[in-house]
Amino acid sequence: MTIQQLMQDMNMSRYRLSKISGIPWATLADIYSGKTHLDRCGAGTLSKLSKALGLSIEGLLELESEPTETAPDGKPNKKTYLETGLSSSIQKAIKDYLQGEKEQVLHLDCLSDELYGAINADLWSGIITEEQAGYLREKYLGLGGKEDGIHD
């Protein structure tokens, strides 16, 4: 099992893991992408990471290192990691919106506004990152990354 698979199984984003463990997000991004191998991390990082993931340090070090394909900025090309650790309100809004699109309901604009509001509420509450919010707006609503693309 890889750290990516473990985090997906736990429905945990790197942002959430960073908050729980106290490990900087950039460090976790390097570990997650395979740029930094776990066996090269300091004892403090391994200890925090193992506690947050509920593993022994030995168990953590046994995880396979599987680098993902990355873009020049070091982030994985596949952005599905941005959909992990979402609150139940965003998950419900996405489900409702997709169902509304499928059924071609007349109130799709209301469902779109609900999803947009759920994304912003979680962003402002610190539950998701700006990157996650931008990704969700783009993927589901066709909006650019920033929230200043308010519905006209």
N, C-alpha and C. Protein backbone atom coordinates (compact mmCIF):
# COMPACT_ATOMS: atom_id res chain seq x y z
N MET A 1 0.85 -1.18 0.00
CA MET A 1 0.00 0.00 0.00
C MET A 1 0.89 1.24 0.00
N THR A 2 0.43 2.27 -0.68
CA THR A 2 1.18 3.52 -0.72
C THR A 2 0.54 4.53 0.23
N ILE A 3 1.26 5.61 0.53
CA ILE A 3 0.70 6.65 1.38
C ILE A 3 -0.52 7.29 0.70
N GLN A 4 -0.48 7.38 -0.64
CA GLN A 4 -1.62 7.93 -1.38
C GLN A 4 -2.86 7.06 -1.17
N GLN A 5 -2.69 5.74 -1.28
CA GLN A 5 -3.83 4.83 -1.11
C GLN A 5 -4.36 4.88 0.32
N LEU A 6 -3.44 4.93 1.28
CA LEU A 6 -3.83 5.00 2.69
C LEU A 6 -4.67 6.25 2.96
N MET A 7 -4.21 7.38 2.45
CA MET A 7 -4.93 8.63 2.67
C MET A 7 -6.28 8.61 1.97
N GLN A 8 -6.34 8.03 0.78
CA GLN A 8 -7.63 7.92 0.09
C GLN A 8 -8.58 7.03 0.87
N ASP A 9 -8.07 5.90 1.39
CA ASP A 9 -8.90 5.00 2.19
C ASP A 9 -9.44 5.70 3.43
N MET A 10 -8.63 6.60 3.99
CA MET A 10 -9.03 7.34 5.19
C MET A 10 -9.84 8.59 4.84
N ASN A 11 -10.04 8.84 3.53
CA ASN A 11 -10.73 10.03 3.05
C ASN A 11 -10.09 11.29 3.64
N MET A 12 -8.76 11.33 3.56
CA MET A 12 -8.01 12.43 4.16
C MET A 12 -7.20 13.15 3.09
N SER A 13 -7.34 14.45 3.05
CA SER A 13 -6.54 15.26 2.14
C SER A 13 -5.20 15.59 2.79
N ARG A 14 -4.26 16.03 1.97
CA ARG A 14 -2.96 16.43 2.52
C ARG A 14 -3.13 17.65 3.42
N TYR A 15 -4.04 18.54 3.07
CA TYR A 15 -4.29 19.72 3.89
C TYR A 15 -4.76 19.31 5.28
N ARG A 16 -5.71 18.38 5.33
CA ARG A 16 -6.22 17.91 6.62
C ARG A 16 -5.12 17.19 7.42
N LEU A 17 -4.33 16.36 6.73
CA LEU A 17 -3.24 15.67 7.39
C LEU A 17 -2.23 16.67 7.94
N SER A 18 -1.99 17.73 7.19
CA SER A 18 -1.07 18.77 7.65
C SER A 18 -1.59 19.42 8.93
N LYS A 19 -2.87 19.71 8.96
CA LYS A 19 -3.46 20.34 10.15
C LYS A 19 -3.44 19.40 11.36
N ILE A 20 -3.76 18.13 11.14
CA ILE A 20 -3.81 17.16 12.23
C ILE A 20 -2.42 16.86 12.76
N SER A 21 -1.45 16.70 11.86
CA SER A 21 -0.11 16.27 12.26
C SER A 21 0.82 17.41 12.65
N GLY A 22 0.54 18.61 12.12
CA GLY A 22 1.46 19.73 12.37
C GLY A 22 2.65 19.73 11.41
N ILE A 23 2.60 18.89 10.39
CA ILE A 23 3.67 18.84 9.38
C ILE A 23 3.31 19.84 8.29
N PRO A 24 4.27 20.66 7.85
CA PRO A 24 3.96 21.64 6.78
C PRO A 24 3.41 20.96 5.54
N TRP A 25 2.47 21.64 4.89
CA TRP A 25 1.81 21.11 3.70
C TRP A 25 2.85 20.81 2.62
N ALA A 26 3.85 21.67 2.44
CA ALA A 26 4.86 21.47 1.40
C ALA A 26 5.64 20.17 1.64
N THR A 27 5.94 19.87 2.90
CA THR A 27 6.64 18.63 3.23
C THR A 27 5.78 17.43 2.85
N LEU A 28 4.50 17.50 3.20
CA LEU A 28 3.59 16.40 2.85
C LEU A 28 3.44 16.26 1.34
N ALA A 29 3.44 17.38 0.62
CA ALA A 29 3.33 17.33 -0.84
C ALA A 29 4.54 16.60 -1.43
N ASP A 30 5.73 16.87 -0.88
CA ASP A 30 6.94 16.19 -1.35
C ASP A 30 6.90 14.69 -1.04
N ILE A 31 6.40 14.33 0.13
CA ILE A 31 6.29 12.92 0.50
C ILE A 31 5.25 12.24 -0.39
N TYR A 32 4.12 12.88 -0.54
CA TYR A 32 3.00 12.31 -1.32
C TYR A 32 3.40 12.09 -2.78
N SER A 33 4.14 13.02 -3.34
CA SER A 33 4.52 12.92 -4.75
C SER A 33 5.70 11.98 -4.98
N GLY A 34 6.37 11.58 -3.90
CA GLY A 34 7.53 10.70 -4.05
C GLY A 34 8.84 11.46 -4.16
N LYS A 35 8.76 12.79 -4.15
CA LYS A 35 9.98 13.62 -4.23
C LYS A 35 10.86 13.39 -3.00
N THR A 36 10.22 13.24 -1.84
CA THR A 36 10.93 12.91 -0.60
C THR A 36 10.45 11.55 -0.14
N HIS A 37 11.38 10.63 0.07
CA HIS A 37 11.02 9.29 0.54
C HIS A 37 10.91 9.29 2.06
N LEU A 38 10.02 8.47 2.57
CA LEU A 38 9.80 8.41 4.02
C LEU A 38 11.06 8.07 4.79
N ASP A 39 11.91 7.23 4.20
CA ASP A 39 13.12 6.84 4.92
C ASP A 39 14.14 7.97 5.01
N ARG A 40 13.87 9.08 4.35
CA ARG A 40 14.75 10.25 4.43
C ARG A 40 14.18 11.34 5.34
N CYS A 41 13.02 11.10 5.92
CA CYS A 41 12.38 12.07 6.81
C CYS A 41 12.98 11.97 8.21
N GLY A 42 12.95 13.07 8.91
CA GLY A 42 13.43 13.09 10.29
C GLY A 42 12.50 12.34 11.22
N ALA A 43 13.02 12.01 12.41
CA ALA A 43 12.25 11.26 13.40
C ALA A 43 10.99 12.01 13.82
N GLY A 44 11.10 13.32 13.95
CA GLY A 44 9.94 14.12 14.36
C GLY A 44 8.82 14.06 13.33
N THR A 45 9.18 14.18 12.06
CA THR A 45 8.18 14.11 10.98
C THR A 45 7.54 12.72 10.96
N LEU A 46 8.36 11.69 11.05
CA LEU A 46 7.83 10.32 11.04
C LEU A 46 6.91 10.07 12.23
N SER A 47 7.28 10.58 13.39
CA SER A 47 6.47 10.40 14.59
C SER A 47 5.11 11.08 14.43
N LYS A 48 5.11 12.33 13.98
CA LYS A 48 3.86 13.07 13.78
C LYS A 48 2.98 12.40 12.73
N LEU A 49 3.62 11.97 11.64
CA LEU A 49 2.89 11.35 10.55
C LEU A 49 2.29 10.01 10.98
N SER A 50 3.06 9.22 11.71
CA SER A 50 2.56 7.91 12.14
C SER A 50 1.39 8.07 13.10
N LYS A 51 1.47 9.04 14.02
CA LYS A 51 0.35 9.27 14.95
C LYS A 51 -0.90 9.71 14.20
N ALA A 52 -0.74 10.63 13.25
CA ALA A 52 -1.89 11.15 12.51
C ALA A 52 -2.55 10.07 11.64
N LEU A 53 -1.74 9.14 11.13
CA LEU A 53 -2.27 8.09 10.26
C LEU A 53 -2.61 6.81 11.02
N GLY A 54 -2.31 6.78 12.33
CA GLY A 54 -2.64 5.61 13.14
C GLY A 54 -1.76 4.41 12.83
N LEU A 55 -0.52 4.65 12.49
CA LEU A 55 0.44 3.58 12.18
C LEU A 55 1.64 3.69 13.10
N SER A 56 2.35 2.59 13.26
CA SER A 56 3.64 2.67 13.94
C SER A 56 4.63 3.28 12.95
N ILE A 57 5.75 3.76 13.43
CA ILE A 57 6.77 4.30 12.53
C ILE A 57 7.25 3.19 11.60
N GLU A 58 7.38 1.99 12.13
CA GLU A 58 7.80 0.86 11.29
C GLU A 58 6.78 0.61 10.18
N GLY A 59 5.49 0.64 10.55
CA GLY A 59 4.43 0.45 9.57
C GLY A 59 4.43 1.54 8.51
N LEU A 60 4.71 2.75 8.95
CA LEU A 60 4.77 3.88 8.02
C LEU A 60 5.92 3.68 7.03
N LEU A 61 7.06 3.25 7.52
CA LEU A 61 8.23 3.05 6.66
C LEU A 61 8.05 1.88 5.70
N GLU A 62 7.11 0.98 6.03
CA GLU A 62 6.84 -0.15 5.15
C GLU A 62 5.95 0.22 3.96
N LEU A 63 5.34 1.41 4.02
CA LEU A 63 4.51 1.84 2.90
C LEU A 63 5.38 1.95 1.66
N GLU A 64 4.81 1.52 0.54
CA GLU A 64 5.55 1.60 -0.71
C GLU A 64 5.64 3.06 -1.13
N SER A 65 6.74 3.40 -1.72
CA SER A 65 6.87 4.74 -2.26
C SER A 65 6.50 4.67 -3.72
N GLU A 66 5.50 5.41 -4.08
CA GLU A 66 5.01 5.38 -5.46
C GLU A 66 4.85 6.80 -5.96
N PRO A 67 5.87 7.34 -6.61
CA PRO A 67 5.73 8.71 -7.10
C PRO A 67 4.65 8.78 -8.16
N THR A 68 3.88 9.84 -8.10
CA THR A 68 2.86 10.07 -9.10
C THR A 68 3.45 10.95 -10.18
N GLU A 69 2.82 10.92 -11.35
CA GLU A 69 3.29 11.81 -12.41
C GLU A 69 3.05 13.23 -11.94
N THR A 70 4.07 14.06 -12.09
CA THR A 70 3.93 15.42 -11.61
C THR A 70 4.17 16.44 -12.71
N ALA A 71 3.59 17.59 -12.51
CA ALA A 71 3.78 18.72 -13.40
C ALA A 71 5.08 19.43 -13.01
N PRO A 72 5.52 20.40 -13.78
CA PRO A 72 6.75 21.12 -13.45
C PRO A 72 6.73 21.78 -12.07
N ASP A 73 5.55 22.11 -11.56
CA ASP A 73 5.47 22.76 -10.24
C ASP A 73 5.53 21.74 -9.11
N GLY A 74 5.68 20.43 -9.44
CA GLY A 74 5.80 19.40 -8.42
C GLY A 74 4.49 18.82 -7.96
N LYS A 75 3.37 19.32 -8.46
CA LYS A 75 2.05 18.81 -8.06
C LYS A 75 1.65 17.70 -9.01
N PRO A 76 0.91 16.71 -8.51
CA PRO A 76 0.46 15.62 -9.39
C PRO A 76 -0.40 16.16 -10.52
N ASN A 77 -0.23 15.56 -11.72
CA ASN A 77 -1.05 15.96 -12.86
C ASN A 77 -2.50 15.59 -12.64
N LYS A 78 -2.73 14.47 -11.99
CA LYS A 78 -4.08 14.01 -11.70
C LYS A 78 -4.56 14.76 -10.46
N LYS A 79 -5.61 15.53 -10.58
CA LYS A 79 -6.05 16.42 -9.50
C LYS A 79 -7.11 15.80 -8.58
N THR A 80 -7.37 14.51 -8.71
CA THR A 80 -8.42 13.90 -7.89
C THR A 80 -8.12 13.98 -6.39
N TYR A 81 -6.85 14.17 -6.03
CA TYR A 81 -6.52 14.32 -4.61
C TYR A 81 -7.21 15.54 -4.01
N LEU A 82 -7.62 16.48 -4.86
CA LEU A 82 -8.30 17.68 -4.37
C LEU A 82 -9.75 17.40 -3.97
N GLU A 83 -10.23 16.19 -4.25
CA GLU A 83 -11.59 15.83 -3.87
C GLU A 83 -11.63 14.94 -2.64
N THR A 84 -10.53 14.82 -1.92
CA THR A 84 -10.52 14.02 -0.70
C THR A 84 -10.71 14.92 0.51
N GLY A 85 -11.33 14.38 1.53
CA GLY A 85 -11.52 15.13 2.76
C GLY A 85 -12.57 16.22 2.68
N LEU A 86 -13.49 16.11 1.73
CA LEU A 86 -14.54 17.12 1.58
C LEU A 86 -15.61 16.93 2.65
N SER A 87 -16.17 18.03 3.09
CA SER A 87 -17.23 17.96 4.10
C SER A 87 -18.48 17.33 3.51
N SER A 88 -19.35 16.88 4.39
CA SER A 88 -20.61 16.27 3.94
C SER A 88 -21.48 17.28 3.19
N SER A 89 -21.38 18.57 3.55
CA SER A 89 -22.21 19.57 2.86
C SER A 89 -21.77 19.73 1.40
N ILE A 90 -20.46 19.71 1.15
CA ILE A 90 -20.00 19.80 -0.25
C ILE A 90 -20.33 18.51 -0.99
N GLN A 91 -20.13 17.37 -0.35
CA GLN A 91 -20.44 16.10 -1.00
C GLN A 91 -21.92 16.03 -1.40
N LYS A 92 -22.79 16.49 -0.51
CA LYS A 92 -24.23 16.48 -0.80
C LYS A 92 -24.56 17.46 -1.93
N ALA A 93 -23.94 18.64 -1.89
CA ALA A 93 -24.20 19.64 -2.93
C ALA A 93 -23.73 19.14 -4.30
N ILE A 94 -22.58 18.46 -4.34
CA ILE A 94 -22.09 17.90 -5.60
C ILE A 94 -23.06 16.83 -6.11
N LYS A 95 -23.47 15.95 -5.21
CA LYS A 95 -24.39 14.87 -5.58
C LYS A 95 -25.70 15.44 -6.12
N ASP A 96 -26.26 16.43 -5.41
CA ASP A 96 -27.52 17.04 -5.83
C ASP A 96 -27.37 17.74 -7.18
N TYR A 97 -26.25 18.45 -7.36
CA TYR A 97 -26.01 19.17 -8.61
C TYR A 97 -25.88 18.20 -9.78
N LEU A 98 -25.10 17.14 -9.60
CA LEU A 98 -24.92 16.16 -10.67
C LEU A 98 -26.23 15.46 -11.02
N GLN A 99 -27.02 15.16 -9.98
CA GLN A 99 -28.34 14.54 -10.21
C GLN A 99 -29.25 15.51 -10.97
N GLY A 100 -29.19 16.78 -10.60
CA GLY A 100 -29.99 17.79 -11.29
C GLY A 100 -29.60 17.94 -12.75
N GLU A 101 -28.30 17.90 -13.02
CA GLU A 101 -27.84 17.95 -14.41
C GLU A 101 -28.34 16.75 -15.19
N LYS A 102 -28.25 15.59 -14.57
CA LYS A 102 -28.67 14.34 -15.23
C LYS A 102 -30.15 14.39 -15.57
N GLU A 103 -30.95 14.89 -14.64
CA GLU A 103 -32.41 14.93 -14.84
C GLU A 103 -32.86 16.19 -15.55
N GLN A 104 -31.94 17.09 -15.84
CA GLN A 104 -32.24 18.37 -16.50
C GLN A 104 -33.36 19.13 -15.80
N VAL A 105 -33.19 19.29 -14.49
CA VAL A 105 -34.20 19.97 -13.69
C VAL A 105 -34.22 21.46 -14.00
N LEU A 106 -35.37 22.08 -13.77
CA LEU A 106 -35.50 23.52 -14.03
C LEU A 106 -34.79 24.37 -12.98
N HIS A 107 -34.55 23.80 -11.82
CA HIS A 107 -33.92 24.57 -10.74
C HIS A 107 -32.41 24.30 -10.63
N LEU A 108 -31.78 23.98 -11.77
CA LEU A 108 -30.35 23.69 -11.76
C LEU A 108 -29.54 24.90 -11.28
N ASP A 109 -30.00 26.11 -11.58
CA ASP A 109 -29.29 27.30 -11.12
C ASP A 109 -29.28 27.37 -9.59
N CYS A 110 -30.34 26.92 -8.95
CA CYS A 110 -30.37 26.88 -7.48
C CYS A 110 -29.38 25.85 -6.94
N LEU A 111 -29.31 24.70 -7.59
CA LEU A 111 -28.36 23.66 -7.17
C LEU A 111 -26.93 24.13 -7.39
N SER A 112 -26.72 24.86 -8.46
CA SER A 112 -25.40 25.43 -8.74
C SER A 112 -25.01 26.43 -7.64
N ASP A 113 -25.95 27.27 -7.26
CA ASP A 113 -25.69 28.25 -6.19
C ASP A 113 -25.43 27.56 -4.85
N GLU A 114 -26.14 26.46 -4.59
CA GLU A 114 -25.92 25.69 -3.35
C GLU A 114 -24.49 25.14 -3.32
N LEU A 115 -24.05 24.58 -4.44
CA LEU A 115 -22.70 24.03 -4.51
C LEU A 115 -21.66 25.13 -4.36
N TYR A 116 -21.88 26.24 -5.06
CA TYR A 116 -20.96 27.38 -4.98
C TYR A 116 -20.87 27.88 -3.54
N GLY A 117 -22.00 27.97 -2.87
CA GLY A 117 -22.03 28.43 -1.48
C GLY A 117 -21.34 27.45 -0.54
N ALA A 118 -21.55 26.15 -0.76
CA ALA A 118 -20.91 25.13 0.10
C ALA A 118 -19.39 25.18 -0.05
N ILE A 119 -18.93 25.37 -1.28
CA ILE A 119 -17.49 25.49 -1.53
C ILE A 119 -16.93 26.70 -0.80
N ASN A 120 -17.58 27.84 -0.95
CA ASN A 120 -17.10 29.06 -0.30
C ASN A 120 -17.15 28.96 1.22
N ALA A 121 -18.21 28.38 1.75
CA ALA A 121 -18.33 28.26 3.21
C ALA A 121 -17.19 27.42 3.77
N ASP A 122 -16.87 26.31 3.10
CA ASP A 122 -15.78 25.46 3.58
C ASP A 122 -14.42 26.12 3.39
N LEU A 123 -14.28 26.90 2.33
CA LEU A 123 -13.03 27.63 2.11
C LEU A 123 -12.84 28.65 3.22
N TRP A 124 -13.85 29.43 3.50
CA TRP A 124 -13.75 30.48 4.52
C TRP A 124 -13.58 29.89 5.92
N SER A 125 -14.09 28.68 6.12
CA SER A 125 -13.95 28.01 7.42
C SER A 125 -12.60 27.30 7.57
N GLY A 126 -11.83 27.25 6.50
CA GLY A 126 -10.54 26.59 6.55
C GLY A 126 -10.60 25.08 6.39
N ILE A 127 -11.74 24.56 5.96
CA ILE A 127 -11.89 23.11 5.79
C ILE A 127 -11.21 22.65 4.50
N ILE A 128 -11.27 23.49 3.46
CA ILE A 128 -10.61 23.18 2.20
C ILE A 128 -9.67 24.33 1.85
N THR A 129 -8.74 24.07 0.94
CA THR A 129 -7.78 25.08 0.52
C THR A 129 -8.34 25.87 -0.66
N GLU A 130 -7.67 26.97 -0.97
CA GLU A 130 -8.03 27.76 -2.16
C GLU A 130 -7.88 26.90 -3.41
N GLU A 131 -6.85 26.06 -3.43
CA GLU A 131 -6.63 25.18 -4.58
C GLU A 131 -7.81 24.21 -4.75
N GLN A 132 -8.27 23.64 -3.63
CA GLN A 132 -9.41 22.72 -3.70
C GLN A 132 -10.66 23.46 -4.18
N ALA A 133 -10.90 24.64 -3.62
CA ALA A 133 -12.08 25.42 -3.99
C ALA A 133 -12.06 25.74 -5.49
N GLY A 134 -10.91 26.18 -5.98
CA GLY A 134 -10.79 26.50 -7.40
C GLY A 134 -11.03 25.28 -8.28
N TYR A 135 -10.48 24.16 -7.87
CA TYR A 135 -10.65 22.92 -8.62
C TYR A 135 -12.13 22.53 -8.67
N LEU A 136 -12.81 22.58 -7.52
CA LEU A 136 -14.22 22.20 -7.47
C LEU A 136 -15.08 23.14 -8.30
N ARG A 137 -14.81 24.45 -8.21
CA ARG A 137 -15.57 25.42 -9.01
C ARG A 137 -15.40 25.15 -10.50
N GLU A 138 -14.14 24.89 -10.89
CA GLU A 138 -13.83 24.63 -12.29
C GLU A 138 -14.47 23.34 -12.77
N LYS A 139 -14.29 22.27 -12.01
CA LYS A 139 -14.77 20.95 -12.44
C LYS A 139 -16.29 20.88 -12.52
N TYR A 140 -16.97 21.37 -11.50
CA TYR A 140 -18.42 21.19 -11.44
C TYR A 140 -19.22 22.37 -11.99
N LEU A 141 -18.67 23.58 -11.85
CA LEU A 141 -19.45 24.75 -12.23
C LEU A 141 -18.89 25.48 -13.45
N GLY A 142 -17.73 25.03 -13.92
CA GLY A 142 -17.12 25.67 -15.09
C GLY A 142 -16.61 27.06 -14.81
N LEU A 143 -16.40 27.38 -13.53
CA LEU A 143 -15.90 28.71 -13.17
C LEU A 143 -14.40 28.69 -13.02
N GLY A 144 -13.78 29.84 -13.17
CA GLY A 144 -12.34 29.95 -12.93
C GLY A 144 -12.03 29.70 -11.48
N GLY A 145 -10.77 29.64 -11.13
CA GLY A 145 -10.33 29.30 -9.78
C GLY A 145 -10.79 30.21 -8.68
N LYS A 146 -10.72 31.51 -8.87
CA LYS A 146 -11.02 32.44 -7.79
C LYS A 146 -12.53 32.64 -7.66
N GLU A 147 -12.94 33.04 -6.47
CA GLU A 147 -14.36 33.23 -6.23
C GLU A 147 -14.88 34.52 -6.82
N ASP A 148 -13.99 35.38 -7.39
CA ASP A 148 -14.49 36.64 -7.91
C ASP A 148 -15.23 36.44 -9.24
N GLY A 149 -15.34 35.19 -9.70
CA GLY A 149 -16.16 34.91 -10.87
C GLY A 149 -17.60 34.71 -10.44
N ILE A 150 -18.11 35.58 -9.57
CA ILE A 150 -19.45 35.44 -9.01
C ILE A 150 -20.49 35.40 -10.13
N HIS A 151 -21.48 34.59 -9.91
CA HIS A 151 -22.54 34.38 -10.91
C HIS A 151 -23.11 35.72 -11.35
N ASP A 152 -23.12 35.92 -12.66
CA ASP A 152 -23.70 37.15 -13.22
C ASP A 152 -25.10 36.89 -13.71
